[in-house]
Amino acid sequence: MSTQHHAPAAAARPPAGKTLLDGDALARTLSRIAHEIIERNDRLERLALVGIRTRGVPLAERLAELIEERSGVEVALGAVDIGHHRDDRPAAAQPVVEATELDFELAGTTCVLVDDVLYTGRTIRAAIEALFEHGRPARVQLAVVVDRGHRELPIRPDYVGKNLPTSRAERIQVQLEETDGRDAVLLVDAPEEAEGREAR
């Protein structure tokens, strides 16, 4: 009796969602993005990869390693936190703020903002604002692993791993070894809006 009673509850909670990219596919995706960044930027010594916290930071680090392996050039690395710059958080909500790290001169650089998922575009707008608080890069480009559509602002990525159209009742979840213990891109049945800070 007890086993029969618990079976439906287990079935009602899918383990992790549908896997869209496994670890190997994600590695190939990042390899291609790194190749495109090298192709489109002549002066790699003036290039900086800036990860948007949280998962954009390890992604930027991986891309920097790939670029150095292929070009021999060590590009600058940085990180921005957008907690204070979101325009869509409730007025009463206190943002969780982590460190912004930009230990290089922004002037004259091409800054590639790196994030896992592009959704509404509001995360990217906030990241650009945070970046410009610290200096004026010559150019800002955008690299994302997944573009899932539903843009609310006129923001377009320069480098896209995968275009994966979704409904608003679904969410793309990028998992990374550094933050989640494994590499995968999942499709999860959970509205983005219910996640609050997940709206990108």
C-alpha atoms as a PDB file:
ATOM      1  CA  MET A   1       0.000   0.000   0.000  1.00  0.00           C
ATOM      2  CA  SER A   2       2.703   2.421   1.008  1.00  0.00           C
ATOM      3  CA  THR A   3       4.690   1.911  -2.225  1.00  0.00           C
ATOM      4  CA  GLN A   4       1.623   2.527  -4.364  1.00  0.00           C
ATOM      5  CA  HIS A   5       0.849   5.685  -2.414  1.00  0.00           C
ATOM      6  CA  HIS A   6       4.331   7.201  -2.995  1.00  0.00           C
ATOM      7  CA  ALA A   7       4.664   6.394  -6.707  1.00  0.00           C
ATOM      8  CA  PRO A   8       2.470   9.244  -8.055  1.00  0.00           C
ATOM      9  CA  ALA A   9       4.351  11.834  -5.955  1.00  0.00           C
ATOM     10  CA  ALA A  10       7.662  10.736  -7.492  1.00  0.00           C
ATOM     11  CA  ALA A  11       6.196  10.844 -10.985  1.00  0.00           C
ATOM     12  CA  ALA A  12       4.852  14.365 -10.420  1.00  0.00           C
ATOM     13  CA  ARG A  13       8.386  15.737  -9.840  1.00  0.00           C
ATOM     14  CA  PRO A  14      10.604  15.306 -12.892  1.00  0.00           C
ATOM     15  CA  PRO A  15      14.255  14.811 -11.879  1.00  0.00           C
ATOM     16  CA  ALA A  16      15.876  17.718 -13.711  1.00  0.00           C
ATOM     17  CA  GLY A  17      14.045  18.591 -16.908  1.00  0.00           C
ATOM     18  CA  LYS A  18      14.814  17.721 -20.509  1.00  0.00           C
ATOM     19  CA  THR A  19      18.503  17.800 -21.440  1.00  0.00           C
ATOM     20  CA  LEU A  20      19.044  20.015 -24.486  1.00  0.00           C
ATOM     21  CA  LEU A  21      22.857  19.986 -24.391  1.00  0.00           C
ATOM     22  CA  ASP A  22      25.082  17.568 -22.520  1.00  0.00           C
ATOM     23  CA  GLY A  23      28.613  18.321 -21.352  1.00  0.00           C
ATOM     24  CA  ASP A  24      30.259  17.449 -24.695  1.00  0.00           C
ATOM     25  CA  ALA A  25      27.788  19.559 -26.664  1.00  0.00           C
ATOM     26  CA  LEU A  26      28.317  22.504 -24.312  1.00  0.00           C
ATOM     27  CA  ALA A  27      32.105  22.176 -24.718  1.00  0.00           C
ATOM     28  CA  ARG A  28      31.733  22.235 -28.527  1.00  0.00           C
ATOM     29  CA  THR A  29      29.442  25.268 -28.258  1.00  0.00           C
ATOM     30  CA  LEU A  30      31.973  27.217 -26.175  1.00  0.00           C
ATOM     31  CA  SER A  31      34.755  26.180 -28.559  1.00  0.00           C
ATOM     32  CA  ARG A  32      32.824  27.634 -31.494  1.00  0.00           C
ATOM     33  CA  ILE A  33      32.063  30.884 -29.632  1.00  0.00           C
ATOM     34  CA  ALA A  34      35.769  31.278 -28.772  1.00  0.00           C
ATOM     35  CA  HIS A  35      36.675  30.754 -32.436  1.00  0.00           C
ATOM     36  CA  GLU A  36      34.148  33.408 -33.533  1.00  0.00           C
ATOM     37  CA  ILE A  37      35.470  35.900 -30.963  1.00  0.00           C
ATOM     38  CA  ILE A  38      39.019  35.425 -32.300  1.00  0.00           C
ATOM     39  CA  GLU A  39      37.835  35.814 -35.900  1.00  0.00           C
ATOM     40  CA  ARG A  40      35.922  39.036 -35.237  1.00  0.00           C
ATOM     41  CA  ASN A  41      38.514  40.832 -33.110  1.00  0.00           C
ATOM     42  CA  ASP A  42      41.849  41.728 -34.689  1.00  0.00           C
ATOM     43  CA  ARG A  43      43.455  43.171 -31.555  1.00  0.00           C
ATOM     44  CA  LEU A  44      43.054  40.428 -28.988  1.00  0.00           C
ATOM     45  CA  GLU A  45      45.492  42.225 -26.669  1.00  0.00           C
ATOM     46  CA  ARG A  46      42.756  44.874 -26.241  1.00  0.00           C
ATOM     47  CA  LEU A  47      40.010  42.297 -25.618  1.00  0.00           C
ATOM     48  CA  ALA A  48      38.381  41.696 -22.225  1.00  0.00           C
ATOM     49  CA  LEU A  49      35.864  39.020 -21.280  1.00  0.00           C
ATOM     50  CA  VAL A  50      33.502  40.161 -18.522  1.00  0.00           C
ATOM     51  CA  GLY A  51      31.268  37.527 -16.954  1.00  0.00           C
ATOM     52  CA  ILE A  52      27.882  38.478 -15.540  1.00  0.00           C
ATOM     53  CA  ARG A  53      27.508  36.850 -12.124  1.00  0.00           C
ATOM     54  CA  THR A  54      26.821  34.081 -11.464  1.00  0.00           C
ATOM     55  CA  ARG A  55      27.311  31.611 -14.313  1.00  0.00           C
ATOM     56  CA  GLY A  56      28.683  34.140 -16.758  1.00  0.00           C
ATOM     57  CA  VAL A  57      31.910  34.249 -14.731  1.00  0.00           C
ATOM     58  CA  PRO A  58      33.033  30.611 -15.185  1.00  0.00           C
ATOM     59  CA  LEU A  59      31.862  30.784 -18.805  1.00  0.00           C
ATOM     60  CA  ALA A  60      34.085  33.838 -19.398  1.00  0.00           C
ATOM     61  CA  GLU A  61      37.009  32.000 -17.756  1.00  0.00           C
ATOM     62  CA  ARG A  62      36.527  28.994 -20.031  1.00  0.00           C
ATOM     63  CA  LEU A  63      36.314  31.184 -23.131  1.00  0.00           C
ATOM     64  CA  ALA A  64      39.483  33.040 -22.088  1.00  0.00           C
ATOM     65  CA  GLU A  65      41.330  29.709 -21.779  1.00  0.00           C
ATOM     66  CA  LEU A  66      40.122  28.593 -25.209  1.00  0.00           C
ATOM     67  CA  ILE A  67      41.144  31.918 -26.790  1.00  0.00           C
ATOM     68  CA  GLU A  68      44.610  31.726 -25.217  1.00  0.00           C
ATOM     69  CA  GLU A  69      45.059  28.101 -26.353  1.00  0.00           C
ATOM     70  CA  ARG A  70      44.261  29.035 -29.944  1.00  0.00           C
ATOM     71  CA  SER A  71      45.793  32.483 -30.285  1.00  0.00           C
ATOM     72  CA  GLY A  72      48.537  32.563 -27.662  1.00  0.00           C
ATOM     73  CA  VAL A  73      47.056  35.813 -26.299  1.00  0.00           C
ATOM     74  CA  GLU A  74      45.991  36.059 -22.664  1.00  0.00           C
ATOM     75  CA  VAL A  75      42.904  38.278 -22.633  1.00  0.00           C
ATOM     76  CA  ALA A  76      41.763  40.339 -19.652  1.00  0.00           C
ATOM     77  CA  LEU A  77      39.085  38.834 -17.412  1.00  0.00           C
ATOM     78  CA  GLY A  78      36.510  40.557 -15.249  1.00  0.00           C
ATOM     79  CA  ALA A  79      33.137  40.119 -13.555  1.00  0.00           C
ATOM     80  CA  VAL A  80      30.140  42.378 -12.994  1.00  0.00           C
ATOM     81  CA  ASP A  81      27.305  42.090 -10.511  1.00  0.00           C
ATOM     82  CA  ILE A  82      24.017  43.653 -11.591  1.00  0.00           C
ATOM     83  CA  GLY A  83      22.112  43.521  -8.286  1.00  0.00           C
ATOM     84  CA  HIS A  84      21.801  47.301  -7.932  1.00  0.00           C
ATOM     85  CA  HIS A  85      21.018  47.879 -11.604  1.00  0.00           C
ATOM     86  CA  ARG A  86      17.984  45.671 -12.241  1.00  0.00           C
ATOM     87  CA  ASP A  87      14.943  47.732 -13.240  1.00  0.00           C
ATOM     88  CA  ASP A  88      12.437  44.901 -12.717  1.00  0.00           C
ATOM     89  CA  ARG A  89      12.892  43.908  -9.080  1.00  0.00           C
ATOM     90  CA  PRO A  90      10.210  44.872  -6.516  1.00  0.00           C
ATOM     91  CA  ALA A  91      10.952  48.189  -4.801  1.00  0.00           C
ATOM     92  CA  ALA A  92      11.074  46.563  -1.354  1.00  0.00           C
ATOM     93  CA  ALA A  93      13.421  43.773  -2.427  1.00  0.00           C
ATOM     94  CA  GLN A  94      17.034  44.058  -1.325  1.00  0.00           C
ATOM     95  CA  PRO A  95      19.398  42.830  -4.044  1.00  0.00           C
ATOM     96  CA  VAL A  96      21.995  40.195  -3.240  1.00  0.00           C
ATOM     97  CA  VAL A  97      25.172  41.944  -4.371  1.00  0.00           C
ATOM     98  CA  GLU A  98      28.448  40.211  -5.143  1.00  0.00           C
ATOM     99  CA  ALA A  99      31.730  41.826  -6.121  1.00  0.00           C
ATOM    100  CA  THR A 100      32.300  43.529  -9.435  1.00  0.00           C
ATOM    101  CA  GLU A 101      35.895  42.861 -10.477  1.00  0.00           C
ATOM    102  CA  LEU A 102      37.355  44.911 -13.318  1.00  0.00           C
ATOM    103  CA  ASP A 103      41.094  45.002 -12.605  1.00  0.00           C
ATOM    104  CA  PHE A 104      42.100  46.458 -15.959  1.00  0.00           C
ATOM    105  CA  GLU A 105      41.717  49.729 -17.846  1.00  0.00           C
ATOM    106  CA  LEU A 106      38.377  49.722 -19.695  1.00  0.00           C
ATOM    107  CA  ALA A 107      39.195  52.634 -22.014  1.00  0.00           C
ATOM    108  CA  GLY A 108      40.047  51.428 -25.496  1.00  0.00           C
ATOM    109  CA  THR A 109      39.073  47.813 -24.859  1.00  0.00           C
ATOM    110  CA  THR A 110      36.514  45.636 -26.581  1.00  0.00           C
ATOM    111  CA  CYS A 111      34.509  44.156 -23.704  1.00  0.00           C
ATOM    112  CA  VAL A 112      32.659  40.932 -24.383  1.00  0.00           C
ATOM    113  CA  LEU A 113      29.917  40.506 -21.794  1.00  0.00           C
ATOM    114  CA  VAL A 114      29.354  36.798 -21.155  1.00  0.00           C
ATOM    115  CA  ASP A 115      26.173  35.226 -19.766  1.00  0.00           C
ATOM    116  CA  ASP A 116      24.447  31.868 -19.803  1.00  0.00           C
ATOM    117  CA  VAL A 117      20.901  32.706 -20.990  1.00  0.00           C
ATOM    118  CA  LEU A 118      19.503  35.717 -22.869  1.00  0.00           C
ATOM    119  CA  TYR A 119      15.798  36.255 -22.225  1.00  0.00           C
ATOM    120  CA  THR A 120      14.170  39.690 -21.808  1.00  0.00           C
ATOM    121  CA  GLY A 121      17.449  41.602 -22.186  1.00  0.00           C
ATOM    122  CA  ARG A 122      17.114  43.349 -18.833  1.00  0.00           C
ATOM    123  CA  THR A 123      20.106  41.560 -17.310  1.00  0.00           C
ATOM    124  CA  ILE A 124      22.272  42.744 -20.204  1.00  0.00           C
ATOM    125  CA  ARG A 125      21.035  46.339 -19.941  1.00  0.00           C
ATOM    126  CA  ALA A 126      21.884  46.278 -16.227  1.00  0.00           C
ATOM    127  CA  ALA A 127      25.326  44.770 -16.941  1.00  0.00           C
ATOM    128  CA  ILE A 128      26.132  47.503 -19.479  1.00  0.00           C
ATOM    129  CA  GLU A 129      25.137  50.132 -16.913  1.00  0.00           C
ATOM    130  CA  ALA A 130      27.347  48.477 -14.272  1.00  0.00           C
ATOM    131  CA  LEU A 131      30.227  48.289 -16.761  1.00  0.00           C
ATOM    132  CA  PHE A 132      30.007  51.970 -17.687  1.00  0.00           C
ATOM    133  CA  GLU A 133      30.120  52.954 -14.030  1.00  0.00           C
ATOM    134  CA  HIS A 134      33.749  51.778 -14.103  1.00  0.00           C
ATOM    135  CA  GLY A 135      34.907  53.194 -17.435  1.00  0.00           C
ATOM    136  CA  ARG A 136      34.262  53.594 -21.142  1.00  0.00           C
ATOM    137  CA  PRO A 137      35.218  50.632 -23.322  1.00  0.00           C
ATOM    138  CA  ALA A 138      35.645  51.251 -27.044  1.00  0.00           C
ATOM    139  CA  ARG A 139      33.093  48.552 -27.858  1.00  0.00           C
ATOM    140  CA  VAL A 140      30.793  46.196 -25.987  1.00  0.00           C
ATOM    141  CA  GLN A 141      29.874  42.811 -27.439  1.00  0.00           C
ATOM    142  CA  LEU A 142      27.652  40.079 -26.030  1.00  0.00           C
ATOM    143  CA  ALA A 143      28.188  36.324 -25.903  1.00  0.00           C
ATOM    144  CA  VAL A 144      25.536  33.950 -24.550  1.00  0.00           C
ATOM    145  CA  VAL A 145      25.242  30.195 -24.452  1.00  0.00           C
ATOM    146  CA  VAL A 146      21.475  30.223 -25.104  1.00  0.00           C
ATOM    147  CA  ASP A 147      19.120  32.802 -26.638  1.00  0.00           C
ATOM    148  CA  ARG A 148      15.600  31.753 -25.682  1.00  0.00           C
ATOM    149  CA  GLY A 149      13.690  34.673 -27.201  1.00  0.00           C
ATOM    150  CA  HIS A 150      10.985  36.857 -25.576  1.00  0.00           C
ATOM    151  CA  ARG A 151      13.054  40.064 -25.743  1.00  0.00           C
ATOM    152  CA  GLU A 152      11.650  43.168 -24.021  1.00  0.00           C
ATOM    153  CA  LEU A 153      14.552  45.454 -24.942  1.00  0.00           C
ATOM    154  CA  PRO A 154      16.349  45.947 -28.294  1.00  0.00           C
ATOM    155  CA  ILE A 155      19.370  43.822 -27.353  1.00  0.00           C
ATOM    156  CA  ARG A 156      20.958  41.319 -29.724  1.00  0.00           C
ATOM    157  CA  PRO A 157      23.886  38.987 -28.974  1.00  0.00           C
ATOM    158  CA  ASP A 158      27.029  39.009 -31.131  1.00  0.00           C
ATOM    159  CA  TYR A 159      27.858  35.390 -30.288  1.00  0.00           C
ATOM    160  CA  VAL A 160      25.189  32.762 -29.625  1.00  0.00           C
ATOM    161  CA  GLY A 161      25.747  29.139 -28.692  1.00  0.00           C
ATOM    162  CA  LYS A 162      22.205  27.983 -29.421  1.00  0.00           C
ATOM    163  CA  ASN A 163      18.915  29.640 -30.303  1.00  0.00           C
ATOM    164  CA  LEU A 164      16.341  27.669 -28.303  1.00  0.00           C
ATOM    165  CA  PRO A 165      12.835  29.170 -28.603  1.00  0.00           C
ATOM    166  CA  THR A 166      10.771  28.548 -25.475  1.00  0.00           C
ATOM    167  CA  SER A 167       7.376  29.387 -24.059  1.00  0.00           C
ATOM    168  CA  ARG A 168       7.038  31.606 -21.007  1.00  0.00           C
ATOM    169  CA  ALA A 169       5.904  28.527 -19.075  1.00  0.00           C
ATOM    170  CA  GLU A 170       9.363  27.027 -19.556  1.00  0.00           C
ATOM    171  CA  ARG A 171      12.817  27.960 -18.329  1.00  0.00           C
ATOM    172  CA  ILE A 172      16.295  27.274 -19.677  1.00  0.00           C
ATOM    173  CA  GLN A 173      18.722  26.192 -16.980  1.00  0.00           C
ATOM    174  CA  VAL A 174      22.447  26.152 -17.728  1.00  0.00           C
ATOM    175  CA  GLN A 175      24.372  23.971 -15.293  1.00  0.00           C
ATOM    176  CA  LEU A 176      28.149  24.253 -15.005  1.00  0.00           C
ATOM    177  CA  GLU A 177      30.724  22.075 -13.305  1.00  0.00           C
ATOM    178  CA  GLU A 178      32.015  25.081 -11.331  1.00  0.00           C
ATOM    179  CA  THR A 179      28.617  26.003  -9.843  1.00  0.00           C
ATOM    180  CA  ASP A 180      26.416  22.905 -10.171  1.00  0.00           C
ATOM    181  CA  GLY A 181      28.758  19.945 -10.311  1.00  0.00           C
ATOM    182  CA  ARG A 182      28.042  19.087 -13.952  1.00  0.00           C
ATOM    183  CA  ASP A 183      27.751  20.637 -17.419  1.00  0.00           C
ATOM    184  CA  ALA A 184      24.319  20.591 -19.089  1.00  0.00           C
ATOM    185  CA  VAL A 185      21.627  22.800 -20.591  1.00  0.00           C
ATOM    186  CA  LEU A 186      18.128  21.813 -19.454  1.00  0.00           C
ATOM    187  CA  LEU A 187      14.572  22.756 -20.375  1.00  0.00           C
ATOM    188  CA  VAL A 188      12.543  22.997 -17.171  1.00  0.00           C
ATOM    189  CA  ASP A 189       8.761  23.347 -16.793  1.00  0.00           C
ATOM    190  CA  ALA A 190       8.781  26.416 -14.563  1.00  0.00           C
ATOM    191  CA  PRO A 191       7.707  29.956 -15.469  1.00  0.00           C
ATOM    192  CA  GLU A 192      10.648  32.388 -15.529  1.00  0.00           C
ATOM    193  CA  GLU A 193       8.552  35.021 -13.765  1.00  0.00           C
ATOM    194  CA  ALA A 194       8.084  32.721 -10.760  1.00  0.00           C
ATOM    195  CA  GLU A 195      11.845  32.683 -10.332  1.00  0.00           C
ATOM    196  CA  GLY A 196      12.140  36.448  -9.940  1.00  0.00           C
ATOM    197  CA  ARG A 197      15.867  36.974 -10.487  1.00  0.00           C
ATOM    198  CA  GLU A 198      15.937  34.426 -13.327  1.00  0.00           C
ATOM    199  CA  ALA A 199      14.337  36.900 -15.753  1.00  0.00           C
ATOM    200  CA  ARG A 200      17.148  37.740 -18.112  1.00  0.00           C
END
